[in-house]
Every structure is written in C-alpha cells, then in structure tokens.
Amino acid sequence: MGLFDIFTALVVLAALFSYINHRYLKMPRTIGLMALSLVGSLSLLLLGAFEIVAFDDQVAGILSGLNFYDTLMHGMLGFLLFAGALHVNLQDLREMGWIIGLLATFGVIVSTALVGGMTWGILYLLGMKISFIYCLLFGALISPTDPIAVLGILKKAHAPKRLEIKITGESLFNDGIGVVVFLTLLAFIKGGDHPPEPIAVAQLFAVEAGGGILYGLVLGYFSYSLIRRIDNYHVEILLTLATVMGGYRLAELLHVSAPLAIVIAGLMIGNHGRYLGMSDLTREHLDTFWELVDEILNAVLFVLIGLELLVITHTVSMITAGLILIPCVLLARFLSVGVIVNLMRKIADFPNGTVRVLTWAGLRGGISVALALSLPQGPERDMLVTITYCIMAFSILVQGMTVGRLVVHFFGVKTEEVT
C-alpha cells in the first residue's frame, strides 16, 4: 500500500468519524475523533486477540510503514502552527507578552525537571529502572501543551478572550521550546561515551530557539513584502503555502527551530500582511483556505494518533506507570504555572482560578507522541511511548471534555474580558 493509499484511508476514516460525531455524539471535534479512533483501535486489538479477525496485523503493518514522527514533525506541523498563528492578534499577544513568554520558556524547563524527577522515582519504585536522562527527555516531550488539541476546545467552551490569548499564545510557542529542549537533551544520549559539554548544550539551545525566532522574522517579512506588492488572492495564498513548506524545510536545513520560525512568520503575515498588504477579498479567501487546511489536517492527525495504538508495544506495567504519572504531570504543570502567575501578580491581576484553568487546559497531543516515537530503539522507547500515549489520551478525552465546565465555573460563559 502506497503513501497515497494510506492518506486516502485516513481521510475516509476522518470523514466517517467526523460525521458520526457531528450527527450522533455531538462531542467537540478533537475529542470525538480521538474517542472514535481509540474505540476502533481497541476493537481491532480485541478481535485480533480472540482470533476473530486478523485486521489488527494488517493495519499494524500499514501503520508501521508510516513514520508518525516524520509525518507530523516534518509534514503536518508547519501547516497546523501557521493556521493557528494566522488568527492571533499580535497586539493582544504583546499585552501579555511577559506571561506568555515565561510560560512558554521557564514553565517548560521547570516542568521538564519536575516531571523528569517524579518519573524516575515512580519507575524506580515500580521496578522499572531507567536512566535519568530518559526521564528528563520524557519531561521535555510531555511538558509542552499542544495548540492543535486546545484551540478548538477553548472556542467551543467560550473561554474569556484574554484567557484564550494566554493559553493560545503559550501553546503556539511552548511546543517549539519543548522540541528544542528535547533535541538538546537527546544530544546527550547520541553523544554516547562522549556527551556534549554543558556550554555546547547551551549554545545548541540558543541557536535553535533564538535562530528560529530571527529566521521567522526574516521569513515573515520577506513573504509580507511580496504579498503587499500584488492584489491577487490566488498568488497570495500560494505564497503563504510556499512560506510554510519552503520556510519550514529551510529552517531544518539551517538547524534552527522550524516550529518557532513558522509561528513567527504566521503572526507577521496574519497581522501586518493581513491589514497592510491584503484586500478584503484576499483576506476572506485566505481565511477560508487555511481554516479548511486546519480542519482537514486536524481530523487526519487525531485519527492517526488513535490508530497508532495498534503499533505501540505495551505491557500492563507500562500502562500502570502511565496511569500513575498522569497526576504527576498535572502537578508539575500546576507548580510551574503557579510559580509564574504568582511572580507576575506584582505587575498584573489574575482572577481566582487562573492557575487551575491554565493547568487543566494544558492538553497534550500529537507532538508529544511524535517526539516519543523519535527516541532511539530500545526498552526505554517502548516504555516512554506507552506512558506518553496514556497521558495524551487522558488529556484529550478527560481534560478536554471538562475544561469548558471549569472555565464556566470560574469565569462564566458570558465573561468577555479577564485580565
């Protein structure tokens, strides 16, 4: 089965699950697709276990041939991040720049350390000994919140505007920071007997993150300068596609953070490009095009995540560890967010419940699974992939289903402005 056949099957399943969810379940799209994909995967596993059908082996063989990490990190992610950044108001983002910046950087680093320490201790108590560096790697891949998973749910929950900007802004940036932290730690493992020096690691982090931001500014300005010189929405939409595809690939070749670069470029085109270089007709077509791209890729992504269950090597002890670590990851998120919010209270007011809502709205999604699957082959990889999958499934199915109620409880549906 070729790549086109696989993509066709995923789109057909995504369309079918979307219809079932919209017509009968009426759950938020992300949650509904994930739930139906999990049910389908578990059904195939059970039918295969009882030797009723052999579909599980066939599907698993197909999915094994599709590299999930490459599909998401080198294919879909750029489109999804650009589509999300395109509709973020830069002025609103600037007003909360400090809190978003701290959550996306300091918050990820603190959470990585906390999760890494708790993971090592819990796995040790369960008799699952693992190197501490792998525990830190797990902390790095599970700490960033996923913009793909959270944006649609927040809109459906009618989250207050300023709260939505905080969560959206953090989610757009912290996945890029999380990837940089992950790759920096992975350099230790790949270094083998000669791991890189701490100074070299710090330089790698600075080049990846700082270089990604600077490159994103150049990329965004270059695209904006081309767009403002013409008035043809066909060409302008094509230029945005070229920005995402060509810009993302060039960032990888330059060894700077491609996710951060695309977010920055998306913000520039969505603000300066939108208001200074586009006609009303172009804006309308551009928004419609990228909303459609976002919807289709989101649907395919969450179906693919659900089906990945068929190819994950898992044992009862691994699943047990994953279930135990769910509250630990939430605690690390609560503590890292709490420290930042309390520090920022000196210069800004935060309503009661801010930390709890930010904690519970920090959903994990495809990026965490993709990073876990990129780990070197070995028992540590199988263990961490299973644990990551358990936490991601809980995050989307449980947190995603209840975050709206939490928002209503603390802020009220009709609240439009929360500092």
Protein backbone atom coordinates (compact mmCIF):
# COMPACT_ATOMS: atom_id res chain seq x y z
CA MET A 1 0.00 0.00 0.00
CA GLY A 2 1.48 3.32 -1.09
CA LEU A 3 1.53 6.68 0.65
CA PHE A 4 -1.48 7.93 -1.35
CA ASP A 5 -3.49 4.85 -0.37
CA ILE A 6 -2.66 5.37 3.31
CA PHE A 7 -3.60 9.04 3.19
CA THR A 8 -6.82 8.17 1.37
CA ALA A 9 -7.74 5.65 4.06
CA LEU A 10 -7.03 8.21 6.80
CA VAL A 11 -9.16 10.88 5.11
CA VAL A 12 -12.04 8.43 4.63
CA LEU A 13 -11.88 7.38 8.29
CA ALA A 14 -11.62 11.02 9.41
CA ALA A 15 -14.69 11.93 7.33
CA LEU A 16 -16.66 8.94 8.65
CA PHE A 17 -15.73 9.61 12.28
CA SER A 18 -16.44 13.33 11.88
CA TYR A 19 -19.89 12.54 10.51
CA ILE A 20 -20.69 10.08 13.32
CA ASN A 21 -19.50 12.55 15.93
CA HIS A 22 -21.36 15.54 14.45
CA ARG A 23 -24.56 13.59 13.76
CA TYR A 24 -24.82 11.45 16.88
CA LEU A 25 -22.19 12.04 19.60
CA LYS A 26 -22.03 15.84 19.32
CA MET A 27 -18.71 15.97 21.20
CA PRO A 28 -16.03 18.60 20.48
CA ARG A 29 -14.46 17.60 17.17
CA THR A 30 -10.99 16.82 18.55
CA ILE A 31 -12.34 14.72 21.39
CA GLY A 32 -14.88 12.92 19.23
CA LEU A 33 -12.32 11.95 16.60
CA MET A 34 -9.87 10.78 19.24
CA ALA A 35 -12.52 8.75 21.09
CA LEU A 36 -13.81 7.03 17.94
CA SER A 37 -10.24 6.28 16.78
CA LEU A 38 -9.38 4.74 20.15
CA VAL A 39 -12.56 2.66 20.14
CA GLY A 40 -11.77 1.46 16.62
CA SER A 41 -8.18 0.56 17.54
CA LEU A 42 -9.19 -1.24 20.74
CA SER A 43 -11.87 -3.14 18.84
CA LEU A 44 -9.31 -4.37 16.31
CA LEU A 45 -6.95 -5.39 19.11
CA LEU A 46 -9.68 -7.33 20.94
CA LEU A 47 -10.92 -9.02 17.76
CA GLY A 48 -7.36 -9.99 16.96
CA ALA A 49 -6.71 -11.26 20.50
CA PHE A 50 -9.70 -13.61 20.23
CA GLU A 51 -8.64 -14.60 16.70
CA ILE A 52 -11.96 -13.46 15.28
CA VAL A 53 -10.35 -11.31 12.60
CA ALA A 54 -6.78 -10.53 11.59
CA PHE A 55 -7.36 -6.90 10.68
CA ASP A 56 -5.11 -5.73 13.50
CA ASP A 57 -1.99 -7.29 11.96
CA GLN A 58 -2.77 -5.85 8.54
CA VAL A 59 -3.47 -2.36 9.84
CA ALA A 60 -0.45 -2.51 12.14
CA GLY A 61 1.75 -3.43 9.20
CA ILE A 62 0.46 -0.46 7.22
CA LEU A 63 0.90 1.96 10.12
CA SER A 64 4.39 0.66 10.84
CA GLY A 65 5.36 1.71 7.34
CA LEU A 66 4.19 5.25 8.02
CA ASN A 67 6.70 7.17 10.12
CA PHE A 68 4.49 9.12 12.53
CA TYR A 69 7.32 11.40 13.64
CA ASP A 70 8.21 12.42 10.07
CA THR A 71 4.55 12.73 9.09
CA LEU A 72 3.81 15.19 11.89
CA MET A 73 7.09 16.97 12.61
CA HIS A 74 8.29 17.30 9.00
CA GLY A 75 4.92 17.46 7.29
CA MET A 76 1.74 18.47 9.08
CA LEU A 77 3.07 20.56 11.96
CA GLY A 78 4.10 23.58 9.89
CA PHE A 79 0.62 23.88 8.33
CA LEU A 80 -1.14 23.48 11.68
CA LEU A 81 1.04 26.03 13.50
CA PHE A 82 0.76 28.55 10.67
CA ALA A 83 -3.03 28.20 10.57
CA GLY A 84 -3.19 28.77 14.34
CA ALA A 85 -0.81 31.75 14.35
CA LEU A 86 -2.56 33.37 11.39
CA HIS A 87 -5.58 34.34 13.52
CA VAL A 88 -3.77 35.51 16.67
CA ASN A 89 -3.88 39.27 17.20
CA LEU A 90 -0.32 40.49 17.68
CA GLN A 91 -1.43 43.48 19.77
CA ASP A 92 -3.24 41.21 22.21
CA LEU A 93 -0.19 38.97 22.30
CA ARG A 94 2.09 41.92 23.11
CA GLU A 95 -0.09 42.98 26.04
CA MET A 96 0.50 39.60 27.67
CA GLY A 97 3.95 39.00 26.24
CA TRP A 98 5.67 38.51 29.58
CA ILE A 99 3.28 35.91 30.94
CA ILE A 100 3.18 34.03 27.62
CA GLY A 101 6.95 34.18 27.23
CA LEU A 102 7.58 32.89 30.76
CA LEU A 103 5.01 30.11 30.43
CA ALA A 104 6.49 29.01 27.11
CA THR A 105 10.13 29.03 28.28
CA PHE A 106 10.63 28.96 32.05
CA GLY A 107 7.42 26.97 32.51
CA VAL A 108 8.52 24.25 30.08
CA ILE A 109 12.00 23.99 31.61
CA VAL A 110 10.68 23.80 35.21
CA SER A 111 8.04 21.26 34.22
CA THR A 112 10.67 19.18 32.40
CA ALA A 113 12.78 18.97 35.55
CA LEU A 114 9.81 18.20 37.82
CA VAL A 115 8.34 15.54 35.55
CA GLY A 116 11.77 14.01 34.98
CA GLY A 117 12.42 13.68 38.71
CA MET A 118 8.98 12.25 39.53
CA THR A 119 9.14 9.85 36.58
CA TRP A 120 12.50 8.46 37.68
CA GLY A 121 11.28 7.96 41.25
CA ILE A 122 8.00 6.29 40.31
CA LEU A 123 9.55 3.98 37.73
CA TYR A 124 12.23 3.02 40.25
CA LEU A 125 9.55 2.13 42.83
CA LEU A 126 7.75 0.05 40.21
CA GLY A 127 10.95 -1.84 39.46
CA MET A 128 11.30 -0.27 36.01
CA LYS A 129 14.81 1.10 36.16
CA ILE A 130 15.63 3.69 33.53
CA SER A 131 18.38 6.26 33.02
CA PHE A 132 17.61 9.71 34.45
CA ILE A 133 18.36 11.37 31.10
CA TYR A 134 15.49 9.41 29.54
CA CYS A 135 13.23 10.64 32.33
CA LEU A 136 14.22 14.21 31.52
CA LEU A 137 13.56 13.51 27.84
CA PHE A 138 10.09 12.36 28.81
CA GLY A 139 9.64 15.55 30.83
CA ALA A 140 10.63 17.62 27.80
CA LEU A 141 8.25 15.89 25.39
CA ILE A 142 5.24 15.84 27.73
CA SER A 143 5.55 19.37 29.19
CA PRO A 144 4.55 21.49 26.15
CA THR A 145 0.84 21.96 25.64
CA ASP A 146 -0.46 21.25 22.16
CA PRO A 147 -2.05 24.12 20.21
CA ILE A 148 -3.63 21.62 17.83
CA ALA A 149 -5.56 19.98 20.64
CA VAL A 150 -6.56 23.02 22.67
CA LEU A 151 -7.61 25.80 20.27
CA GLY A 152 -10.90 24.36 19.06
CA ILE A 153 -11.92 23.22 22.53
CA LEU A 154 -11.35 26.69 24.01
CA LYS A 155 -13.52 28.32 21.36
CA LYS A 156 -16.32 25.83 21.97
CA ALA A 157 -16.00 26.46 25.72
CA HIS A 158 -16.50 30.22 25.15
CA ALA A 159 -13.34 30.96 27.12
CA PRO A 160 -12.83 34.64 28.03
CA LYS A 161 -10.83 36.45 25.37
CA ARG A 162 -7.77 37.27 27.48
CA LEU A 163 -7.64 33.78 28.96
CA GLU A 164 -7.86 32.29 25.48
CA ILE A 165 -5.00 34.52 24.31
CA LYS A 166 -2.82 33.37 27.23
CA ILE A 167 -3.43 29.70 26.53
CA THR A 168 -3.25 30.07 22.74
CA GLY A 169 -0.08 32.13 22.83
CA GLU A 170 1.62 29.75 25.24
CA SER A 171 0.57 26.71 23.21
CA LEU A 172 1.88 28.17 19.96
CA PHE A 173 5.30 28.92 21.41
CA ASN A 174 5.94 26.26 24.04
CA ASP A 175 5.81 23.34 21.63
CA GLY A 176 8.72 24.92 19.74
CA ILE A 177 10.62 25.43 23.01
CA GLY A 178 9.76 21.89 24.07
CA VAL A 179 11.16 20.49 20.84
CA VAL A 180 14.38 22.47 21.35
CA VAL A 181 14.75 21.21 24.95
CA PHE A 182 14.03 17.67 23.77
CA LEU A 183 16.63 17.80 20.98
CA THR A 184 19.17 19.35 23.34
CA LEU A 185 18.75 16.50 25.85
CA LEU A 186 18.74 13.93 23.05
CA ALA A 187 22.22 15.15 22.12
CA PHE A 188 23.46 13.70 25.43
CA ILE A 189 22.18 10.25 24.53
CA LYS A 190 23.50 10.36 20.98
CA GLY A 191 26.83 11.55 22.36
CA GLY A 192 27.33 8.08 23.85
CA ASP A 193 30.60 7.87 25.75
CA HIS A 194 31.38 11.49 24.92
CA PRO A 195 28.28 13.54 25.74
CA PRO A 196 28.40 17.22 24.77
CA GLU A 197 29.70 19.78 27.22
CA PRO A 198 27.12 21.94 29.08
CA ILE A 199 28.35 25.03 27.22
CA ALA A 200 27.81 23.27 23.91
CA VAL A 201 24.31 22.28 25.01
CA ALA A 202 23.51 25.88 25.98
CA GLN A 203 24.80 27.08 22.61
CA LEU A 204 22.67 24.49 20.81
CA PHE A 205 19.59 25.66 22.71
CA ALA A 206 20.33 29.32 21.96
CA VAL A 207 20.93 28.68 18.25
CA GLU A 208 17.81 26.52 17.86
CA ALA A 209 15.42 28.83 19.72
CA GLY A 210 16.97 32.24 19.02
CA GLY A 211 17.84 31.34 15.45
CA GLY A 212 14.29 30.08 14.85
CA ILE A 213 12.79 33.36 16.05
CA LEU A 214 15.16 35.53 13.99
CA TYR A 215 14.70 33.36 10.91
CA GLY A 216 10.93 33.52 11.38
CA LEU A 217 11.05 37.32 11.41
CA VAL A 218 13.05 37.39 8.18
CA LEU A 219 10.80 34.78 6.57
CA GLY A 220 7.62 36.58 7.63
CA TYR A 221 8.84 39.97 6.45
CA PHE A 222 10.01 38.57 3.12
CA SER A 223 6.62 36.94 2.49
CA TYR A 224 4.79 40.08 3.62
CA SER A 225 6.87 42.25 1.26
CA LEU A 226 5.88 40.01 -1.66
CA ILE A 227 2.20 39.88 -0.72
CA ARG A 228 1.77 43.62 -0.36
CA ARG A 229 3.04 44.24 -3.90
CA ILE A 230 0.22 42.31 -5.59
CA ASP A 231 -3.55 42.01 -5.37
CA ASN A 232 -4.43 38.50 -6.49
CA TYR A 233 -5.65 36.08 -3.86
CA HIS A 234 -4.63 33.01 -5.90
CA VAL A 235 -0.99 34.11 -5.89
CA GLU A 236 -1.09 35.37 -2.31
CA ILE A 237 -2.45 32.07 -0.97
CA LEU A 238 0.21 30.26 -2.98
CA LEU A 239 2.85 32.49 -1.38
CA THR A 240 1.63 31.54 2.10
CA LEU A 241 1.84 27.87 1.15
CA ALA A 242 5.39 28.41 -0.09
CA THR A 243 6.22 30.21 3.16
CA VAL A 244 5.12 27.24 5.23
CA MET A 245 6.55 24.44 3.12
CA GLY A 246 9.74 26.07 1.88
CA GLY A 247 10.32 28.07 5.05
CA TYR A 248 9.91 25.05 7.32
CA ARG A 249 12.28 22.92 5.28
CA LEU A 250 14.91 25.64 5.05
CA ALA A 251 14.75 26.14 8.83
CA GLU A 252 15.52 22.44 9.29
CA LEU A 253 18.48 22.69 6.91
CA LEU A 254 19.75 25.73 8.84
CA HIS A 255 19.36 23.79 12.13
CA VAL A 256 17.08 26.36 13.74
CA SER A 257 13.68 25.71 15.29
CA ALA A 258 11.26 25.30 12.38
CA PRO A 259 8.13 25.34 14.61
CA LEU A 260 9.12 28.66 16.20
CA ALA A 261 10.01 30.11 12.81
CA ILE A 262 6.63 29.23 11.30
CA VAL A 263 4.74 30.62 14.30
CA ILE A 264 6.61 33.95 13.99
CA ALA A 265 6.06 34.07 10.22
CA GLY A 266 2.37 33.26 10.71
CA LEU A 267 1.97 36.06 13.24
CA MET A 268 3.59 38.58 10.88
CA ILE A 269 1.52 37.57 7.86
CA GLY A 270 -1.65 37.31 9.94
CA ASN A 271 -1.19 40.83 11.28
CA HIS A 272 1.00 43.10 9.10
CA GLY A 273 0.27 41.13 5.96
CA ARG A 274 -3.44 40.88 6.64
CA TYR A 275 -4.08 44.55 7.41
CA LEU A 276 -1.40 46.30 5.34
CA GLY A 277 -0.93 44.05 2.32
CA MET A 278 -4.25 42.33 1.55
CA SER A 279 -7.59 43.36 0.12
CA ASP A 280 -10.84 42.30 1.77
CA LEU A 281 -11.33 39.66 -0.91
CA THR A 282 -7.87 38.18 -0.29
CA ARG A 283 -8.40 38.11 3.48
CA GLU A 284 -11.69 36.27 3.04
CA HIS A 285 -10.22 33.64 0.72
CA LEU A 286 -7.04 33.29 2.79
CA ASP A 287 -9.00 32.67 5.99
CA THR A 288 -11.31 30.19 4.29
CA PHE A 289 -8.39 28.30 2.74
CA TRP A 290 -6.35 27.97 5.94
CA GLU A 291 -9.38 27.12 8.07
CA LEU A 292 -10.12 24.27 5.65
CA VAL A 293 -6.49 23.08 5.73
CA ASP A 294 -6.57 23.23 9.53
CA GLU A 295 -9.83 21.25 9.75
CA ILE A 296 -8.72 18.50 7.37
CA LEU A 297 -5.25 18.02 8.88
CA ASN A 298 -6.62 18.10 12.43
CA ALA A 299 -9.12 15.39 11.55
CA VAL A 300 -6.48 13.21 9.88
CA LEU A 301 -4.00 13.77 12.71
CA PHE A 302 -6.29 12.66 15.52
CA VAL A 303 -7.46 9.62 13.59
CA LEU A 304 -3.80 8.72 13.03
CA ILE A 305 -2.99 9.21 16.73
CA GLY A 306 -5.83 6.87 17.69
CA LEU A 307 -4.72 4.21 15.21
CA GLU A 308 -1.11 4.40 16.47
CA LEU A 309 -2.34 2.34 19.43
CA LEU A 310 -2.10 -0.68 17.13
CA VAL A 311 1.67 -0.39 16.72
CA ILE A 312 2.66 0.66 20.24
CA THR A 313 4.43 -2.04 22.26
CA HIS A 314 2.77 -2.03 25.68
CA THR A 315 2.63 -4.14 28.85
CA VAL A 316 0.49 -3.97 31.97
CA SER A 317 3.38 -2.45 33.96
CA MET A 318 3.90 0.26 31.33
CA ILE A 319 0.21 1.16 31.34
CA THR A 320 0.21 1.19 35.15
CA ALA A 321 3.16 3.58 35.14
CA GLY A 322 1.34 5.79 32.63
CA LEU A 323 -1.78 5.96 34.80
CA ILE A 324 0.26 6.80 37.92
CA LEU A 325 2.17 9.53 36.09
CA ILE A 326 -0.99 11.32 34.90
CA PRO A 327 -1.46 13.20 38.21
CA CYS A 328 2.30 13.76 38.42
CA VAL A 329 2.36 15.55 35.05
CA LEU A 330 -0.64 17.64 36.11
CA LEU A 331 1.10 18.51 39.40
CA ALA A 332 4.24 19.60 37.52
CA ARG A 333 2.10 21.77 35.25
CA PHE A 334 0.28 23.25 38.27
CA LEU A 335 3.52 24.09 40.07
CA SER A 336 5.31 25.57 37.03
CA VAL A 337 2.29 27.69 36.07
CA GLY A 338 1.65 28.68 39.71
CA VAL A 339 5.18 29.99 40.22
CA ILE A 340 4.97 32.16 37.11
CA VAL A 341 1.49 33.52 37.82
CA ASN A 342 2.40 34.38 41.42
CA LEU A 343 5.54 36.19 40.25
CA MET A 344 3.54 38.13 37.67
CA ARG A 345 0.84 39.17 40.17
CA LYS A 346 3.09 42.09 41.12
CA ILE A 347 2.54 43.68 37.72
CA ALA A 348 -0.79 42.17 36.62
CA ASP A 349 -4.03 40.98 38.18
CA PHE A 350 -5.17 37.40 37.78
CA PRO A 351 -8.66 36.25 38.80
CA ASN A 352 -9.18 33.31 41.11
CA GLY A 353 -8.89 30.02 39.29
CA THR A 354 -6.37 31.18 36.69
CA VAL A 355 -3.72 28.63 37.69
CA ARG A 356 -6.23 25.77 37.85
CA VAL A 357 -7.71 26.61 34.46
CA LEU A 358 -4.28 27.03 32.84
CA THR A 359 -3.26 23.68 34.35
CA TRP A 360 -6.33 21.76 33.21
CA ALA A 361 -6.38 23.41 29.77
CA GLY A 362 -2.80 22.31 29.11
CA LEU A 363 -3.70 19.44 26.79
CA ARG A 364 -1.11 17.11 25.28
CA GLY A 365 -1.46 15.85 21.73
CA GLY A 366 0.31 14.64 18.63
CA ILE A 367 3.58 16.49 19.22
CA SER A 368 4.25 14.57 22.44
CA VAL A 369 3.54 11.23 20.74
CA ALA A 370 5.72 12.16 17.75
CA LEU A 371 8.68 13.10 19.96
CA ALA A 372 8.32 9.89 21.98
CA LEU A 373 8.32 7.82 18.77
CA SER A 374 11.53 9.57 17.67
CA LEU A 375 13.50 8.15 20.60
CA PRO A 376 16.24 5.60 19.80
CA GLN A 377 15.00 2.00 19.57
CA GLY A 378 15.16 0.14 22.87
CA PRO A 379 13.18 -0.76 26.00
CA GLU A 380 13.21 2.87 27.15
CA ARG A 381 11.47 3.95 23.95
CA ASP A 382 8.69 1.35 24.27
CA MET A 383 8.13 2.33 27.89
CA LEU A 384 8.03 6.09 27.32
CA VAL A 385 5.85 5.82 24.19
CA THR A 386 3.24 3.84 26.14
CA ILE A 387 3.33 6.25 29.08
CA THR A 388 3.07 9.24 26.72
CA TYR A 389 0.10 7.71 24.96
CA CYS A 390 -1.74 7.10 28.26
CA ILE A 391 -1.22 10.71 29.37
CA MET A 392 -2.16 12.11 25.96
CA ALA A 393 -5.37 10.07 25.81
CA PHE A 394 -6.37 11.18 29.32
CA SER A 395 -5.52 14.77 28.46
CA ILE A 396 -7.73 14.94 25.40
CA LEU A 397 -10.60 12.70 26.49
CA VAL A 398 -10.92 13.75 30.16
CA GLN A 399 -9.41 17.22 30.40
CA GLY A 400 -10.77 18.22 27.02
CA MET A 401 -14.30 17.15 27.99
CA THR A 402 -14.26 19.04 31.30
CA VAL A 403 -12.18 22.18 30.66
CA GLY A 404 -15.27 24.02 29.42
CA ARG A 405 -17.07 23.41 32.72
CA LEU A 406 -14.03 24.66 34.61
CA VAL A 407 -13.97 27.86 32.55
CA VAL A 408 -17.68 28.43 33.20
CA HIS A 409 -17.24 27.71 36.92
CA PHE A 410 -14.53 30.30 37.44
CA PHE A 411 -15.26 32.92 34.81
CA GLY A 412 -18.77 32.40 33.49
CA VAL A 413 -19.65 31.85 29.83
CA LYS A 414 -20.65 35.46 29.26
CA THR A 415 -17.44 36.92 30.64
CA GLU A 416 -15.60 38.57 27.77
CA GLU A 417 -12.60 40.15 29.47
CA VAL A 418 -10.39 38.52 32.07
CA THR A 419 -7.06 40.12 32.90
